[in-house]
mmCIF file of all heavy atoms, coordinates in Angstrom:
data_MODEL
# 
_entry.id   MODEL 
# 
loop_
_atom_site.group_PDB 
_atom_site.id 
_atom_site.type_symbol 
_atom_site.label_atom_id 
_atom_site.label_alt_id 
_atom_site.label_comp_id 
_atom_site.label_asym_id 
_atom_site.label_entity_id 
_atom_site.label_seq_id 
_atom_site.pdbx_PDB_ins_code 
_atom_site.Cartn_x 
_atom_site.Cartn_y 
_atom_site.Cartn_z 
_atom_site.occupancy 
_atom_site.B_iso_or_equiv 
_atom_site.pdbx_formal_charge 
_atom_site.auth_seq_id 
_atom_site.auth_comp_id 
_atom_site.auth_asym_id 
_atom_site.auth_atom_id 
_atom_site.pdbx_PDB_model_num 
ATOM 1   N N   . PRO A 1 1  ? 17.972 12.660 6.104   1.00 0.00 ? 1  PRO A N   1 
ATOM 2   C CA  . PRO A 1 1  ? 18.774 11.434 6.015   1.00 0.00 ? 1  PRO A CA  1 
ATOM 3   C C   . PRO A 1 1  ? 18.288 10.360 6.980   1.00 0.00 ? 1  PRO A C   1 
ATOM 4   O O   . PRO A 1 1  ? 17.773 10.665 8.054   1.00 0.00 ? 1  PRO A O   1 
ATOM 5   C CB  . PRO A 1 1  ? 20.179 11.909 6.388   1.00 0.00 ? 1  PRO A CB  1 
ATOM 6   C CG  . PRO A 1 1  ? 20.192 13.365 6.097   1.00 0.00 ? 1  PRO A CG  1 
ATOM 7   C CD  . PRO A 1 1  ? 18.789 13.841 6.374   1.00 0.00 ? 1  PRO A CD  1 
ATOM 8   N N   . TRP A 1 2  ? 18.478 9.119  6.577   1.00 0.00 ? 2  TRP A N   1 
ATOM 9   C CA  . TRP A 1 2  ? 18.127 7.940  7.367   1.00 0.00 ? 2  TRP A CA  1 
ATOM 10  C C   . TRP A 1 2  ? 16.632 7.800  7.598   1.00 0.00 ? 2  TRP A C   1 
ATOM 11  O O   . TRP A 1 2  ? 16.200 7.044  8.459   1.00 0.00 ? 2  TRP A O   1 
ATOM 12  C CB  . TRP A 1 2  ? 18.882 7.907  8.708   1.00 0.00 ? 2  TRP A CB  1 
ATOM 13  C CG  . TRP A 1 2  ? 20.354 7.912  8.525   1.00 0.00 ? 2  TRP A CG  1 
ATOM 14  C CD1 . TRP A 1 2  ? 21.201 8.968  8.711   1.00 0.00 ? 2  TRP A CD1 1 
ATOM 15  C CD2 . TRP A 1 2  ? 21.179 6.827  8.102   1.00 0.00 ? 2  TRP A CD2 1 
ATOM 16  N NE1 . TRP A 1 2  ? 22.490 8.605  8.420   1.00 0.00 ? 2  TRP A NE1 1 
ATOM 17  C CE2 . TRP A 1 2  ? 22.506 7.295  8.043   1.00 0.00 ? 2  TRP A CE2 1 
ATOM 18  C CE3 . TRP A 1 2  ? 20.917 5.506  7.743   1.00 0.00 ? 2  TRP A CE3 1 
ATOM 19  C CZ2 . TRP A 1 2  ? 23.561 6.493  7.660   1.00 0.00 ? 2  TRP A CZ2 1 
ATOM 20  C CZ3 . TRP A 1 2  ? 21.964 4.711  7.355   1.00 0.00 ? 2  TRP A CZ3 1 
ATOM 21  C CH2 . TRP A 1 2  ? 23.269 5.202  7.325   1.00 0.00 ? 2  TRP A CH2 1 
ATOM 22  N N   . GLY A 1 3  ? 15.829 8.499  6.807   1.00 0.00 ? 3  GLY A N   1 
ATOM 23  C CA  . GLY A 1 3  ? 14.379 8.388  6.926   1.00 0.00 ? 3  GLY A CA  1 
ATOM 24  C C   . GLY A 1 3  ? 13.865 7.112  6.289   1.00 0.00 ? 3  GLY A C   1 
ATOM 25  O O   . GLY A 1 3  ? 14.630 6.276  5.799   1.00 0.00 ? 3  GLY A O   1 
ATOM 26  N N   . ARG A 1 4  ? 12.553 6.974  6.293   1.00 0.00 ? 4  ARG A N   1 
ATOM 27  C CA  . ARG A 1 4  ? 11.928 5.792  5.706   1.00 0.00 ? 4  ARG A CA  1 
ATOM 28  C C   . ARG A 1 4  ? 12.027 5.857  4.186   1.00 0.00 ? 4  ARG A C   1 
ATOM 29  O O   . ARG A 1 4  ? 11.624 6.856  3.579   1.00 0.00 ? 4  ARG A O   1 
ATOM 30  C CB  . ARG A 1 4  ? 10.468 5.716  6.132   1.00 0.00 ? 4  ARG A CB  1 
ATOM 31  C CG  . ARG A 1 4  ? 10.294 5.301  7.563   1.00 0.00 ? 4  ARG A CG  1 
ATOM 32  C CD  . ARG A 1 4  ? 8.853  5.324  8.031   1.00 0.00 ? 4  ARG A CD  1 
ATOM 33  N NE  . ARG A 1 4  ? 7.873  5.062  7.001   1.00 0.00 ? 4  ARG A NE  1 
ATOM 34  C CZ  . ARG A 1 4  ? 6.612  5.496  7.066   1.00 0.00 ? 4  ARG A CZ  1 
ATOM 35  N NH1 . ARG A 1 4  ? 6.212  6.215  8.093   1.00 0.00 ? 4  ARG A NH1 1 
ATOM 36  N NH2 . ARG A 1 4  ? 5.759  5.204  6.110   1.00 0.00 ? 4  ARG A NH2 1 
ATOM 37  N N   . PRO A 1 5  ? 12.514 4.798  3.551   1.00 0.00 ? 5  PRO A N   1 
ATOM 38  C CA  . PRO A 1 5  ? 12.651 4.817  2.090   1.00 0.00 ? 5  PRO A CA  1 
ATOM 39  C C   . PRO A 1 5  ? 11.328 4.759  1.329   1.00 0.00 ? 5  PRO A C   1 
ATOM 40  O O   . PRO A 1 5  ? 11.321 4.927  0.114   1.00 0.00 ? 5  PRO A O   1 
ATOM 41  C CB  . PRO A 1 5  ? 13.517 3.592  1.788   1.00 0.00 ? 5  PRO A CB  1 
ATOM 42  C CG  . PRO A 1 5  ? 13.423 2.730  2.984   1.00 0.00 ? 5  PRO A CG  1 
ATOM 43  C CD  . PRO A 1 5  ? 13.097 3.612  4.150   1.00 0.00 ? 5  PRO A CD  1 
ATOM 44  N N   . ASP A 1 6  ? 10.198 4.560  2.031   1.00 0.00 ? 6  ASP A N   1 
ATOM 45  C CA  . ASP A 1 6  ? 8.905  4.564  1.358   1.00 0.00 ? 6  ASP A CA  1 
ATOM 46  C C   . ASP A 1 6  ? 8.237  5.944  1.383   1.00 0.00 ? 6  ASP A C   1 
ATOM 47  O O   . ASP A 1 6  ? 7.136  6.110  0.870   1.00 0.00 ? 6  ASP A O   1 
ATOM 48  C CB  . ASP A 1 6  ? 7.973  3.522  1.985   1.00 0.00 ? 6  ASP A CB  1 
ATOM 49  C CG  . ASP A 1 6  ? 7.667  3.813  3.440   1.00 0.00 ? 6  ASP A CG  1 
ATOM 50  O OD1 . ASP A 1 6  ? 8.562  4.311  4.167   1.00 0.00 ? 6  ASP A OD1 1 
ATOM 51  O OD2 . ASP A 1 6  ? 6.537  3.542  3.882   1.00 0.00 ? 6  ASP A OD2 1 
ATOM 52  N N   . MET A 1 7  ? 8.923  6.922  1.950   1.00 0.00 ? 7  MET A N   1 
ATOM 53  C CA  . MET A 1 7  ? 8.362  8.271  2.020   1.00 0.00 ? 7  MET A CA  1 
ATOM 54  C C   . MET A 1 7  ? 8.659  9.044  0.735   1.00 0.00 ? 7  MET A C   1 
ATOM 55  O O   . MET A 1 7  ? 9.572  8.712  -0.021  1.00 0.00 ? 7  MET A O   1 
ATOM 56  C CB  . MET A 1 7  ? 8.918  9.023  3.237   1.00 0.00 ? 7  MET A CB  1 
ATOM 57  C CG  . MET A 1 7  ? 8.528  8.382  4.569   1.00 0.00 ? 7  MET A CG  1 
ATOM 58  S SD  . MET A 1 7  ? 6.758  8.414  4.885   1.00 0.00 ? 7  MET A SD  1 
ATOM 59  C CE  . MET A 1 7  ? 6.552  10.105 5.388   1.00 0.00 ? 7  MET A CE  1 
ATOM 60  N N   . ALA A 1 8  ? 7.889  10.111 0.509   1.00 0.00 ? 8  ALA A N   1 
ATOM 61  C CA  . ALA A 1 8  ? 7.937  10.857 -0.749  1.00 0.00 ? 8  ALA A CA  1 
ATOM 62  C C   . ALA A 1 8  ? 9.341  11.338 -1.110  1.00 0.00 ? 8  ALA A C   1 
ATOM 63  O O   . ALA A 1 8  ? 9.757  11.208 -2.266  1.00 0.00 ? 8  ALA A O   1 
ATOM 64  C CB  . ALA A 1 8  ? 6.976  12.038 -0.696  1.00 0.00 ? 8  ALA A CB  1 
ATOM 65  N N   . LEU A 1 9  ? 10.081 11.895 -0.166  1.00 0.00 ? 9  LEU A N   1 
ATOM 66  C CA  . LEU A 1 9  ? 11.396 12.443 -0.500  1.00 0.00 ? 9  LEU A CA  1 
ATOM 67  C C   . LEU A 1 9  ? 12.325 11.374 -1.053  1.00 0.00 ? 9  LEU A C   1 
ATOM 68  O O   . LEU A 1 9  ? 13.011 11.590 -2.056  1.00 0.00 ? 9  LEU A O   1 
ATOM 69  C CB  . LEU A 1 9  ? 12.021 13.130 0.714   1.00 0.00 ? 9  LEU A CB  1 
ATOM 70  C CG  . LEU A 1 9  ? 13.384 13.783 0.496   1.00 0.00 ? 9  LEU A CG  1 
ATOM 71  C CD1 . LEU A 1 9  ? 13.357 14.779 -0.656  1.00 0.00 ? 9  LEU A CD1 1 
ATOM 72  C CD2 . LEU A 1 9  ? 13.846 14.464 1.778   1.00 0.00 ? 9  LEU A CD2 1 
ATOM 73  N N   . PHE A 1 10 ? 12.360 10.205 -0.422  1.00 0.00 ? 10 PHE A N   1 
ATOM 74  C CA  . PHE A 1 10 ? 13.182 9.098  -0.916  1.00 0.00 ? 10 PHE A CA  1 
ATOM 75  C C   . PHE A 1 10 ? 12.695 8.642  -2.293  1.00 0.00 ? 10 PHE A C   1 
ATOM 76  O O   . PHE A 1 10 ? 13.481 8.497  -3.223  1.00 0.00 ? 10 PHE A O   1 
ATOM 77  C CB  . PHE A 1 10 ? 13.126 7.911  0.048   1.00 0.00 ? 10 PHE A CB  1 
ATOM 78  C CG  . PHE A 1 10 ? 14.152 7.947  1.130   1.00 0.00 ? 10 PHE A CG  1 
ATOM 79  C CD1 . PHE A 1 10 ? 13.958 8.707  2.266   1.00 0.00 ? 10 PHE A CD1 1 
ATOM 80  C CD2 . PHE A 1 10 ? 15.323 7.215  1.025   1.00 0.00 ? 10 PHE A CD2 1 
ATOM 81  C CE1 . PHE A 1 10 ? 14.897 8.736  3.274   1.00 0.00 ? 10 PHE A CE1 1 
ATOM 82  C CE2 . PHE A 1 10 ? 16.269 7.226  2.033   1.00 0.00 ? 10 PHE A CE2 1 
ATOM 83  C CZ  . PHE A 1 10 ? 16.052 7.995  3.161   1.00 0.00 ? 10 PHE A CZ  1 
ATOM 84  N N   . LEU A 1 11 ? 11.394 8.393  -2.408  1.00 0.00 ? 11 LEU A N   1 
ATOM 85  C CA  . LEU A 1 11 ? 10.840 7.890  -3.665  1.00 0.00 ? 11 LEU A CA  1 
ATOM 86  C C   . LEU A 1 11 ? 11.052 8.878  -4.808  1.00 0.00 ? 11 LEU A C   1 
ATOM 87  O O   . LEU A 1 11 ? 11.460 8.492  -5.905  1.00 0.00 ? 11 LEU A O   1 
ATOM 88  C CB  . LEU A 1 11 ? 9.349  7.592  -3.501  1.00 0.00 ? 11 LEU A CB  1 
ATOM 89  C CG  . LEU A 1 11 ? 8.989  6.459  -2.534  1.00 0.00 ? 11 LEU A CG  1 
ATOM 90  C CD1 . LEU A 1 11 ? 7.483  6.378  -2.355  1.00 0.00 ? 11 LEU A CD1 1 
ATOM 91  C CD2 . LEU A 1 11 ? 9.539  5.134  -3.021  1.00 0.00 ? 11 LEU A CD2 1 
ATOM 92  N N   . PHE A 1 12 ? 10.776 10.152 -4.552  1.00 0.00 ? 12 PHE A N   1 
ATOM 93  C CA  . PHE A 1 12 ? 10.943 11.157 -5.599  1.00 0.00 ? 12 PHE A CA  1 
ATOM 94  C C   . PHE A 1 12 ? 12.405 11.265 -6.024  1.00 0.00 ? 12 PHE A C   1 
ATOM 95  O O   . PHE A 1 12 ? 12.712 11.305 -7.209  1.00 0.00 ? 12 PHE A O   1 
ATOM 96  C CB  . PHE A 1 12 ? 10.428 12.518 -5.131  1.00 0.00 ? 12 PHE A CB  1 
ATOM 97  C CG  . PHE A 1 12 ? 8.934  12.619 -4.992  1.00 0.00 ? 12 PHE A CG  1 
ATOM 98  C CD1 . PHE A 1 12 ? 8.363  13.727 -4.388  1.00 0.00 ? 12 PHE A CD1 1 
ATOM 99  C CD2 . PHE A 1 12 ? 8.078  11.628 -5.451  1.00 0.00 ? 12 PHE A CD2 1 
ATOM 100 C CE1 . PHE A 1 12 ? 6.989  13.849 -4.252  1.00 0.00 ? 12 PHE A CE1 1 
ATOM 101 C CE2 . PHE A 1 12 ? 6.700  11.730 -5.323  1.00 0.00 ? 12 PHE A CE2 1 
ATOM 102 C CZ  . PHE A 1 12 ? 6.161  12.855 -4.722  1.00 0.00 ? 12 PHE A CZ  1 
ATOM 103 N N   . THR A 1 13 ? 13.306 11.320 -5.050  1.00 0.00 ? 13 THR A N   1 
ATOM 104 C CA  . THR A 1 13 ? 14.734 11.445 -5.363  1.00 0.00 ? 13 THR A CA  1 
ATOM 105 C C   . THR A 1 13 ? 15.203 10.254 -6.190  1.00 0.00 ? 13 THR A C   1 
ATOM 106 O O   . THR A 1 13 ? 15.867 10.423 -7.221  1.00 0.00 ? 13 THR A O   1 
ATOM 107 C CB  . THR A 1 13 ? 15.557 11.569 -4.068  1.00 0.00 ? 13 THR A CB  1 
ATOM 108 O OG1 . THR A 1 13 ? 15.135 12.741 -3.364  1.00 0.00 ? 13 THR A OG1 1 
ATOM 109 C CG2 . THR A 1 13 ? 17.040 11.659 -4.355  1.00 0.00 ? 13 THR A CG2 1 
ATOM 110 N N   . GLN A 1 14 ? 14.843 9.060  -5.743  1.00 0.00 ? 14 GLN A N   1 
ATOM 111 C CA  . GLN A 1 14 ? 15.242 7.840  -6.450  1.00 0.00 ? 14 GLN A CA  1 
ATOM 112 C C   . GLN A 1 14 ? 14.712 7.845  -7.889  1.00 0.00 ? 14 GLN A C   1 
ATOM 113 O O   . GLN A 1 14 ? 15.445 7.555  -8.840  1.00 0.00 ? 14 GLN A O   1 
ATOM 114 C CB  . GLN A 1 14 ? 14.721 6.625  -5.686  1.00 0.00 ? 14 GLN A CB  1 
ATOM 115 C CG  . GLN A 1 14 ? 15.044 5.297  -6.329  1.00 0.00 ? 14 GLN A CG  1 
ATOM 116 C CD  . GLN A 1 14 ? 14.398 4.145  -5.573  1.00 0.00 ? 14 GLN A CD  1 
ATOM 117 O OE1 . GLN A 1 14 ? 13.281 4.272  -5.057  1.00 0.00 ? 14 GLN A OE1 1 
ATOM 118 N NE2 . GLN A 1 14 ? 15.107 3.034  -5.488  1.00 0.00 ? 14 GLN A NE2 1 
ATOM 119 N N   . LYS A 1 15 ? 13.437 8.173  -8.056  1.00 0.00 ? 15 LYS A N   1 
ATOM 120 C CA  . LYS A 1 15 ? 12.825 8.121  -9.390  1.00 0.00 ? 15 LYS A CA  1 
ATOM 121 C C   . LYS A 1 15 ? 13.334 9.238  -10.305 1.00 0.00 ? 15 LYS A C   1 
ATOM 122 O O   . LYS A 1 15 ? 13.537 9.012  -11.500 1.00 0.00 ? 15 LYS A O   1 
ATOM 123 C CB  . LYS A 1 15 ? 11.303 8.147  -9.270  1.00 0.00 ? 15 LYS A CB  1 
ATOM 124 C CG  . LYS A 1 15 ? 10.767 6.845  -8.696  1.00 0.00 ? 15 LYS A CG  1 
ATOM 125 C CD  . LYS A 1 15 ? 9.258  6.798  -8.694  1.00 0.00 ? 15 LYS A CD  1 
ATOM 126 C CE  . LYS A 1 15 ? 8.836  5.453  -8.142  1.00 0.00 ? 15 LYS A CE  1 
ATOM 127 N NZ  . LYS A 1 15 ? 7.708  4.887  -8.838  1.00 0.00 ? 15 LYS A NZ  1 
ATOM 128 N N   . ILE A 1 16 ? 13.537 10.421 -9.764  1.00 0.00 ? 16 ILE A N   1 
ATOM 129 C CA  . ILE A 1 16 ? 14.056 11.522 -10.584 1.00 0.00 ? 16 ILE A CA  1 
ATOM 130 C C   . ILE A 1 16 ? 15.456 11.170 -11.089 1.00 0.00 ? 16 ILE A C   1 
ATOM 131 O O   . ILE A 1 16 ? 15.768 11.354 -12.271 1.00 0.00 ? 16 ILE A O   1 
ATOM 132 C CB  . ILE A 1 16 ? 14.051 12.854 -9.808  1.00 0.00 ? 16 ILE A CB  1 
ATOM 133 C CG1 . ILE A 1 16 ? 12.604 13.316 -9.543  1.00 0.00 ? 16 ILE A CG1 1 
ATOM 134 C CG2 . ILE A 1 16 ? 14.826 13.933 -10.578 1.00 0.00 ? 16 ILE A CG2 1 
ATOM 135 C CD1 . ILE A 1 16 ? 12.486 14.478 -8.575  1.00 0.00 ? 16 ILE A CD1 1 
ATOM 136 N N   . LEU A 1 17 ? 16.297 10.639 -10.211 1.00 0.00 ? 17 LEU A N   1 
ATOM 137 C CA  . LEU A 1 17 ? 17.651 10.257 -10.625 1.00 0.00 ? 17 LEU A CA  1 
ATOM 138 C C   . LEU A 1 17 ? 17.635 9.133  -11.662 1.00 0.00 ? 17 LEU A C   1 
ATOM 139 O O   . LEU A 1 17 ? 18.501 9.073  -12.532 1.00 0.00 ? 17 LEU A O   1 
ATOM 140 C CB  . LEU A 1 17 ? 18.481 9.845  -9.414  1.00 0.00 ? 17 LEU A CB  1 
ATOM 141 C CG  . LEU A 1 17 ? 18.920 10.994 -8.501  1.00 0.00 ? 17 LEU A CG  1 
ATOM 142 C CD1 . LEU A 1 17 ? 19.583 10.460 -7.230  1.00 0.00 ? 17 LEU A CD1 1 
ATOM 143 C CD2 . LEU A 1 17 ? 19.856 11.949 -9.229  1.00 0.00 ? 17 LEU A CD2 1 
ATOM 144 N N   . ALA A 1 18 ? 16.626 8.246  -11.579 1.00 0.00 ? 18 ALA A N   1 
ATOM 145 C CA  . ALA A 1 18 ? 16.524 7.121  -12.519 1.00 0.00 ? 18 ALA A CA  1 
ATOM 146 C C   . ALA A 1 18 ? 15.779 7.505  -13.803 1.00 0.00 ? 18 ALA A C   1 
ATOM 147 O O   . ALA A 1 18 ? 15.643 6.690  -14.712 1.00 0.00 ? 18 ALA A O   1 
ATOM 148 C CB  . ALA A 1 18 ? 15.823 5.946  -11.845 1.00 0.00 ? 18 ALA A CB  1 
ATOM 149 N N   . GLY A 1 19 ? 15.277 8.748  -13.856 1.00 0.00 ? 19 GLY A N   1 
ATOM 150 C CA  . GLY A 1 19 ? 14.525 9.182  -15.027 1.00 0.00 ? 19 GLY A CA  1 
ATOM 151 C C   . GLY A 1 19 ? 13.130 8.602  -15.103 1.00 0.00 ? 19 GLY A C   1 
ATOM 152 O O   . GLY A 1 19 ? 12.504 8.597  -16.168 1.00 0.00 ? 19 GLY A O   1 
ATOM 153 N N   . GLU A 1 20 ? 12.615 8.111  -13.970 1.00 0.00 ? 20 GLU A N   1 
ATOM 154 C CA  . GLU A 1 20 ? 11.277 7.522  -13.917 1.00 0.00 ? 20 GLU A CA  1 
ATOM 155 C C   . GLU A 1 20 ? 10.255 8.559  -13.465 1.00 0.00 ? 20 GLU A C   1 
ATOM 156 O O   . GLU A 1 20 ? 10.591 9.494  -12.735 1.00 0.00 ? 20 GLU A O   1 
ATOM 157 C CB  . GLU A 1 20 ? 11.264 6.337  -12.941 1.00 0.00 ? 20 GLU A CB  1 
ATOM 158 C CG  . GLU A 1 20 ? 12.199 5.207  -13.331 1.00 0.00 ? 20 GLU A CG  1 
ATOM 159 C CD  . GLU A 1 20 ? 12.283 4.131  -12.252 1.00 0.00 ? 20 GLU A CD  1 
ATOM 160 O OE1 . GLU A 1 20 ? 11.519 4.208  -11.267 1.00 0.00 ? 20 GLU A OE1 1 
ATOM 161 O OE2 . GLU A 1 20 ? 13.124 3.236  -12.405 1.00 0.00 ? 20 GLU A OE2 1 
ATOM 162 N N   . PRO A 1 21 ? 8.988  8.412  -13.870 1.00 0.00 ? 21 PRO A N   1 
ATOM 163 C CA  . PRO A 1 21 ? 7.963  9.376  -13.453 1.00 0.00 ? 21 PRO A CA  1 
ATOM 164 C C   . PRO A 1 21 ? 7.600  9.224  -11.976 1.00 0.00 ? 21 PRO A C   1 
ATOM 165 O O   . PRO A 1 21 ? 7.718  8.139  -11.400 1.00 0.00 ? 21 PRO A O   1 
ATOM 166 C CB  . PRO A 1 21 ? 6.763  9.035  -14.345 1.00 0.00 ? 21 PRO A CB  1 
ATOM 167 C CG  . PRO A 1 21 ? 6.987  7.623  -14.767 1.00 0.00 ? 21 PRO A CG  1 
ATOM 168 C CD  . PRO A 1 21 ? 8.478  7.399  -14.784 1.00 0.00 ? 21 PRO A CD  1 
ATOM 169 N N   . ILE A 1 22 ? 7.183  10.329 -11.368 1.00 0.00 ? 22 ILE A N   1 
ATOM 170 C CA  . ILE A 1 22 ? 6.716  10.319 -9.981  1.00 0.00 ? 22 ILE A CA  1 
ATOM 171 C C   . ILE A 1 22 ? 5.213  10.574 -9.965  1.00 0.00 ? 22 ILE A C   1 
ATOM 172 O O   . ILE A 1 22 ? 4.686  11.278 -10.827 1.00 0.00 ? 22 ILE A O   1 
ATOM 173 C CB  . ILE A 1 22 ? 7.452  11.357 -9.105  1.00 0.00 ? 22 ILE A CB  1 
ATOM 174 C CG1 . ILE A 1 22 ? 7.217  12.785 -9.624  1.00 0.00 ? 22 ILE A CG1 1 
ATOM 175 C CG2 . ILE A 1 22 ? 8.948  11.051 -9.031  1.00 0.00 ? 22 ILE A CG2 1 
ATOM 176 C CD1 . ILE A 1 22 ? 7.754  13.872 -8.720  1.00 0.00 ? 22 ILE A CD1 1 
ATOM 177 N N   . GLU A 1 23 ? 4.525  9.975  -8.991  1.00 0.00 ? 23 GLU A N   1 
ATOM 178 C CA  . GLU A 1 23 ? 3.089  10.183 -8.831  1.00 0.00 ? 23 GLU A CA  1 
ATOM 179 C C   . GLU A 1 23 ? 2.862  11.406 -7.949  1.00 0.00 ? 23 GLU A C   1 
ATOM 180 O O   . GLU A 1 23 ? 3.383  11.479 -6.830  1.00 0.00 ? 23 GLU A O   1 
ATOM 181 C CB  . GLU A 1 23 ? 2.437  8.954  -8.204  1.00 0.00 ? 23 GLU A CB  1 
ATOM 182 C CG  . GLU A 1 23 ? 2.479  7.733  -9.107  1.00 0.00 ? 23 GLU A CG  1 
ATOM 183 C CD  . GLU A 1 23 ? 1.808  6.519  -8.479  1.00 0.00 ? 23 GLU A CD  1 
ATOM 184 O OE1 . GLU A 1 23 ? 1.767  6.427  -7.233  1.00 0.00 ? 23 GLU A OE1 1 
ATOM 185 O OE2 . GLU A 1 23 ? 1.332  5.676  -9.247  1.00 0.00 ? 23 GLU A OE2 1 
ATOM 186 N N   . VAL A 1 24 ? 2.082  12.354 -8.451  1.00 0.00 ? 24 VAL A N   1 
ATOM 187 C CA  . VAL A 1 24 ? 1.815  13.600 -7.746  1.00 0.00 ? 24 VAL A CA  1 
ATOM 188 C C   . VAL A 1 24 ? 0.323  13.639 -7.414  1.00 0.00 ? 24 VAL A C   1 
ATOM 189 O O   . VAL A 1 24 ? -0.508 13.940 -8.277  1.00 0.00 ? 24 VAL A O   1 
ATOM 190 C CB  . VAL A 1 24 ? 2.228  14.818 -8.606  1.00 0.00 ? 24 VAL A CB  1 
ATOM 191 C CG1 . VAL A 1 24 ? 1.990  16.112 -7.845  1.00 0.00 ? 24 VAL A CG1 1 
ATOM 192 C CG2 . VAL A 1 24 ? 3.682  14.690 -9.041  1.00 0.00 ? 24 VAL A CG2 1 
ATOM 193 N N   . PHE A 1 25 ? 0.002  13.312 -6.165  1.00 0.00 ? 25 PHE A N   1 
ATOM 194 C CA  . PHE A 1 25 ? -1.406 13.240 -5.762  1.00 0.00 ? 25 PHE A CA  1 
ATOM 195 C C   . PHE A 1 25 ? -2.003 14.628 -5.548  1.00 0.00 ? 25 PHE A C   1 
ATOM 196 O O   . PHE A 1 25 ? -1.296 15.591 -5.271  1.00 0.00 ? 25 PHE A O   1 
ATOM 197 C CB  . PHE A 1 25 ? -1.555 12.374 -4.509  1.00 0.00 ? 25 PHE A CB  1 
ATOM 198 C CG  . PHE A 1 25 ? -1.294 10.912 -4.789  1.00 0.00 ? 25 PHE A CG  1 
ATOM 199 C CD1 . PHE A 1 25 ? -0.057 10.345 -4.518  1.00 0.00 ? 25 PHE A CD1 1 
ATOM 200 C CD2 . PHE A 1 25 ? -2.280 10.122 -5.374  1.00 0.00 ? 25 PHE A CD2 1 
ATOM 201 C CE1 . PHE A 1 25 ? 0.188  9.006  -4.799  1.00 0.00 ? 25 PHE A CE1 1 
ATOM 202 C CE2 . PHE A 1 25 ? -2.043 8.783  -5.660  1.00 0.00 ? 25 PHE A CE2 1 
ATOM 203 C CZ  . PHE A 1 25 ? -0.806 8.227  -5.374  1.00 0.00 ? 25 PHE A CZ  1 
ATOM 204 N N   . ASN A 1 26 ? -3.321 14.689 -5.665  1.00 0.00 ? 26 ASN A N   1 
ATOM 205 C CA  . ASN A 1 26 ? -4.090 15.930 -5.566  1.00 0.00 ? 26 ASN A CA  1 
ATOM 206 C C   . ASN A 1 26 ? -3.555 16.969 -6.553  1.00 0.00 ? 26 ASN A C   1 
ATOM 207 O O   . ASN A 1 26 ? -3.596 18.168 -6.283  1.00 0.00 ? 26 ASN A O   1 
ATOM 208 C CB  . ASN A 1 26 ? -4.095 16.480 -4.139  1.00 0.00 ? 26 ASN A CB  1 
ATOM 209 C CG  . ASN A 1 26 ? -5.218 17.473 -3.917  1.00 0.00 ? 26 ASN A CG  1 
ATOM 210 O OD1 . ASN A 1 26 ? -6.269 17.407 -4.533  1.00 0.00 ? 26 ASN A OD1 1 
ATOM 211 N ND2 . ASN A 1 26 ? -4.987 18.412 -3.012  1.00 0.00 ? 26 ASN A ND2 1 
ATOM 212 N N   . ASN A 1 27 ? -3.003 16.477 -7.653  1.00 0.00 ? 27 ASN A N   1 
ATOM 213 C CA  . ASN A 1 27 ? -2.434 17.340 -8.691  1.00 0.00 ? 27 ASN A CA  1 
ATOM 214 C C   . ASN A 1 27 ? -1.382 18.299 -8.141  1.00 0.00 ? 27 ASN A C   1 
ATOM 215 O O   . ASN A 1 27 ? -1.152 19.374 -8.690  1.00 0.00 ? 27 ASN A O   1 
ATOM 216 C CB  . ASN A 1 27 ? -3.542 18.104 -9.428  1.00 0.00 ? 27 ASN A CB  1 
ATOM 217 C CG  . ASN A 1 27 ? -4.474 17.145 -10.155 1.00 0.00 ? 27 ASN A CG  1 
ATOM 218 O OD1 . ASN A 1 27 ? -4.024 16.325 -10.954 1.00 0.00 ? 27 ASN A OD1 1 
ATOM 219 N ND2 . ASN A 1 27 ? -5.757 17.213 -9.848  1.00 0.00 ? 27 ASN A ND2 1 
ATOM 220 N N   . GLY A 1 28 ? -0.766 17.901 -7.014  1.00 0.00 ? 28 GLY A N   1 
ATOM 221 C CA  . GLY A 1 28 ? 0.311  18.691 -6.417  1.00 0.00 ? 28 GLY A CA  1 
ATOM 222 C C   . GLY A 1 28 ? -0.153 19.843 -5.562  1.00 0.00 ? 28 GLY A C   1 
ATOM 223 O O   . GLY A 1 28 ? 0.655  20.645 -5.101  1.00 0.00 ? 28 GLY A O   1 
# 
Protein backbone atom coordinates (compact mmCIF):
# COMPACT_ATOMS: atom_id res chain seq x y z
CA PRO A 1 0.00 0.00 0.00
CA TRP A 2 0.93 3.62 -0.68
CA GLY A 3 3.61 2.54 -3.15
CA ARG A 4 4.45 4.19 -6.44
CA PRO A 5 1.53 3.95 -8.87
CA ASP A 6 3.95 3.42 -11.79
CA MET A 7 5.21 0.13 -10.35
CA ALA A 8 4.12 -3.29 -11.65
CA LEU A 9 1.78 -4.20 -8.78
CA PHE A 10 -0.25 -0.99 -9.15
CA LEU A 11 -0.29 -1.14 -12.95
CA PHE A 12 -1.19 -4.83 -13.10
CA THR A 13 -3.94 -4.49 -10.49
CA GLN A 14 -5.43 -1.45 -12.21
CA LYS A 15 -5.36 -3.06 -15.67
CA ILE A 16 -6.66 -6.46 -14.55
CA LEU A 17 -9.61 -4.81 -12.81
CA ALA A 18 -10.28 -2.71 -15.94
CA GLY A 19 -10.06 -5.76 -18.21
CA GLU A 20 -7.04 -4.28 -20.02
CA PRO A 21 -3.97 -6.30 -21.09
CA ILE A 22 -0.74 -6.14 -19.09
CA GLU A 23 2.77 -6.12 -20.56
CA VAL A 24 4.83 -9.09 -19.38
CA PHE A 25 8.52 -8.51 -20.10
CA ASN A 26 11.03 -11.31 -20.67
CA ASN A 27 7.97 -13.47 -21.35
CA GLY A 28 7.42 -13.56 -17.58
